[in-house]
Amino acid sequence: MSKPLIFTISAVWDADASVWSGHCDDIPAAADAPTLDLLLDKISAMALDLLPDNHPGVDPASLFLQITALREAEPAVA
């Protein structure tokens, strides 16, 4: 296996639309989804499709994605 290539997806919760909005400039890719898992699925598929054009020679098996998610703290419901 090649040296891992890690891309960070920046995700922000959009309360008005009830979706996570995420992007990764290194791929480049952007998507929206109702859950972080679905967002990761969407951007993962995009990353694998775009990898040959944007990062030629990189083995798809060495591609890893990490999510940095930002959401406003909400008080606990009693």
C-alpha atoms as a PDB file:
ATOM      1  CA  MET A   1       0.000   0.000   0.000  1.00  0.00           C
ATOM      2  CA  SER A   2       1.168   3.511  -0.807  1.00  0.00           C
ATOM      3  CA  LYS A   3       1.649   6.233   1.734  1.00  0.00           C
ATOM      4  CA  PRO A   4      -1.825   7.340   2.926  1.00  0.00           C
ATOM      5  CA  LEU A   5      -3.215  10.515   1.389  1.00  0.00           C
ATOM      6  CA  ILE A   6      -5.594  12.180   3.835  1.00  0.00           C
ATOM      7  CA  PHE A   7      -8.113  14.821   2.784  1.00  0.00           C
ATOM      8  CA  THR A   8     -10.095  16.810   5.333  1.00  0.00           C
ATOM      9  CA  ILE A   9     -13.753  17.535   4.693  1.00  0.00           C
ATOM     10  CA  SER A  10     -14.993  20.669   6.461  1.00  0.00           C
ATOM     11  CA  ALA A  11     -18.645  20.248   7.399  1.00  0.00           C
ATOM     12  CA  VAL A  12     -21.095  22.731   8.911  1.00  0.00           C
ATOM     13  CA  TRP A  13     -24.633  22.061  10.089  1.00  0.00           C
ATOM     14  CA  ASP A  14     -27.255  24.206   8.333  1.00  0.00           C
ATOM     15  CA  ALA A  15     -30.170  24.275  10.769  1.00  0.00           C
ATOM     16  CA  ASP A  16     -32.470  26.056   8.311  1.00  0.00           C
ATOM     17  CA  ALA A  17     -32.047  23.352   5.664  1.00  0.00           C
ATOM     18  CA  SER A  18     -31.459  20.500   8.169  1.00  0.00           C
ATOM     19  CA  VAL A  19     -28.382  19.290   6.294  1.00  0.00           C
ATOM     20  CA  TRP A  20     -24.654  19.020   6.715  1.00  0.00           C
ATOM     21  CA  SER A  21     -22.848  21.072   4.100  1.00  0.00           C
ATOM     22  CA  GLY A  22     -19.326  19.904   3.423  1.00  0.00           C
ATOM     23  CA  HIS A  23     -16.458  20.679   1.107  1.00  0.00           C
ATOM     24  CA  CYS A  24     -12.879  19.674   0.458  1.00  0.00           C
ATOM     25  CA  ASP A  25     -10.816  22.023  -1.693  1.00  0.00           C
ATOM     26  CA  ASP A  26      -8.051  19.439  -2.207  1.00  0.00           C
ATOM     27  CA  ILE A  27     -10.314  17.066  -4.152  1.00  0.00           C
ATOM     28  CA  PRO A  28     -12.232  19.472  -5.073  1.00  0.00           C
ATOM     29  CA  ALA A  29     -15.722  18.404  -3.979  1.00  0.00           C
ATOM     30  CA  ALA A  30     -18.754  19.787  -2.173  1.00  0.00           C
ATOM     31  CA  ALA A  31     -22.055  18.210  -1.116  1.00  0.00           C
ATOM     32  CA  ASP A  32     -24.988  18.415   1.283  1.00  0.00           C
ATOM     33  CA  ALA A  33     -26.598  15.553   3.204  1.00  0.00           C
ATOM     34  CA  PRO A  34     -28.903  15.079   6.200  1.00  0.00           C
ATOM     35  CA  THR A  35     -26.287  13.036   8.116  1.00  0.00           C
ATOM     36  CA  LEU A  36     -22.511  13.031   8.362  1.00  0.00           C
ATOM     37  CA  ASP A  37     -22.435   9.407   7.171  1.00  0.00           C
ATOM     38  CA  LEU A  38     -24.325  10.308   3.992  1.00  0.00           C
ATOM     39  CA  LEU A  39     -22.113  13.343   3.471  1.00  0.00           C
ATOM     40  CA  LEU A  40     -19.047  11.115   3.751  1.00  0.00           C
ATOM     41  CA  ASP A  41     -20.570   8.657   1.266  1.00  0.00           C
ATOM     42  CA  LYS A  42     -21.224  11.426  -1.273  1.00  0.00           C
ATOM     43  CA  ILE A  43     -17.828  13.069  -0.993  1.00  0.00           C
ATOM     44  CA  SER A  44     -16.051   9.704  -0.949  1.00  0.00           C
ATOM     45  CA  ALA A  45     -17.655   8.798  -4.275  1.00  0.00           C
ATOM     46  CA  MET A  46     -16.707  12.214  -5.690  1.00  0.00           C
ATOM     47  CA  ALA A  47     -13.139  11.879  -4.425  1.00  0.00           C
ATOM     48  CA  LEU A  48     -12.662   8.519  -6.127  1.00  0.00           C
ATOM     49  CA  ASP A  49     -14.127   9.874  -9.378  1.00  0.00           C
ATOM     50  CA  LEU A  50     -12.006  13.030  -9.318  1.00  0.00           C
ATOM     51  CA  LEU A  51      -8.776  11.492  -8.008  1.00  0.00           C
ATOM     52  CA  PRO A  52      -7.243  10.569 -11.405  1.00  0.00           C
ATOM     53  CA  ASP A  53      -7.767  14.084 -12.802  1.00  0.00           C
ATOM     54  CA  ASN A  54      -6.690  16.044  -9.729  1.00  0.00           C
ATOM     55  CA  HIS A  55      -4.074  13.727  -8.228  1.00  0.00           C
ATOM     56  CA  PRO A  56      -2.699  11.541 -11.034  1.00  0.00           C
ATOM     57  CA  GLY A  57      -0.689   8.568  -9.939  1.00  0.00           C
ATOM     58  CA  VAL A  58      -2.286   8.336  -6.495  1.00  0.00           C
ATOM     59  CA  ASP A  59      -3.493   4.844  -5.633  1.00  0.00           C
ATOM     60  CA  PRO A  60      -7.211   5.003  -4.666  1.00  0.00           C
ATOM     61  CA  ALA A  61      -6.493   2.456  -1.908  1.00  0.00           C
ATOM     62  CA  SER A  62      -4.274   5.051  -0.205  1.00  0.00           C
ATOM     63  CA  LEU A  63      -7.046   7.693  -0.049  1.00  0.00           C
ATOM     64  CA  PHE A  64      -8.500   8.482   3.375  1.00  0.00           C
ATOM     65  CA  LEU A  65     -11.097  11.096   4.308  1.00  0.00           C
ATOM     66  CA  GLN A  66     -11.562  12.771   7.659  1.00  0.00           C
ATOM     67  CA  ILE A  67     -14.426  15.062   8.608  1.00  0.00           C
ATOM     68  CA  THR A  68     -14.152  18.175  10.733  1.00  0.00           C
ATOM     69  CA  ALA A  69     -17.721  19.017  11.737  1.00  0.00           C
ATOM     70  CA  LEU A  70     -18.986  22.244  13.264  1.00  0.00           C
ATOM     71  CA  ARG A  71     -22.396  22.529  14.901  1.00  0.00           C
ATOM     72  CA  GLU A  72     -23.742  24.970  17.440  1.00  0.00           C
ATOM     73  CA  ALA A  73     -24.097  23.459  20.912  1.00  0.00           C
ATOM     74  CA  GLU A  74     -27.676  22.876  22.010  1.00  0.00           C
ATOM     75  CA  PRO A  75     -28.864  22.698  25.613  1.00  0.00           C
ATOM     76  CA  ALA A  76     -29.864  19.246  26.849  1.00  0.00           C
ATOM     77  CA  VAL A  77     -33.577  18.496  26.927  1.00  0.00           C
ATOM     78  CA  ALA A  78     -34.685  17.374  30.383  1.00  0.00           C
END
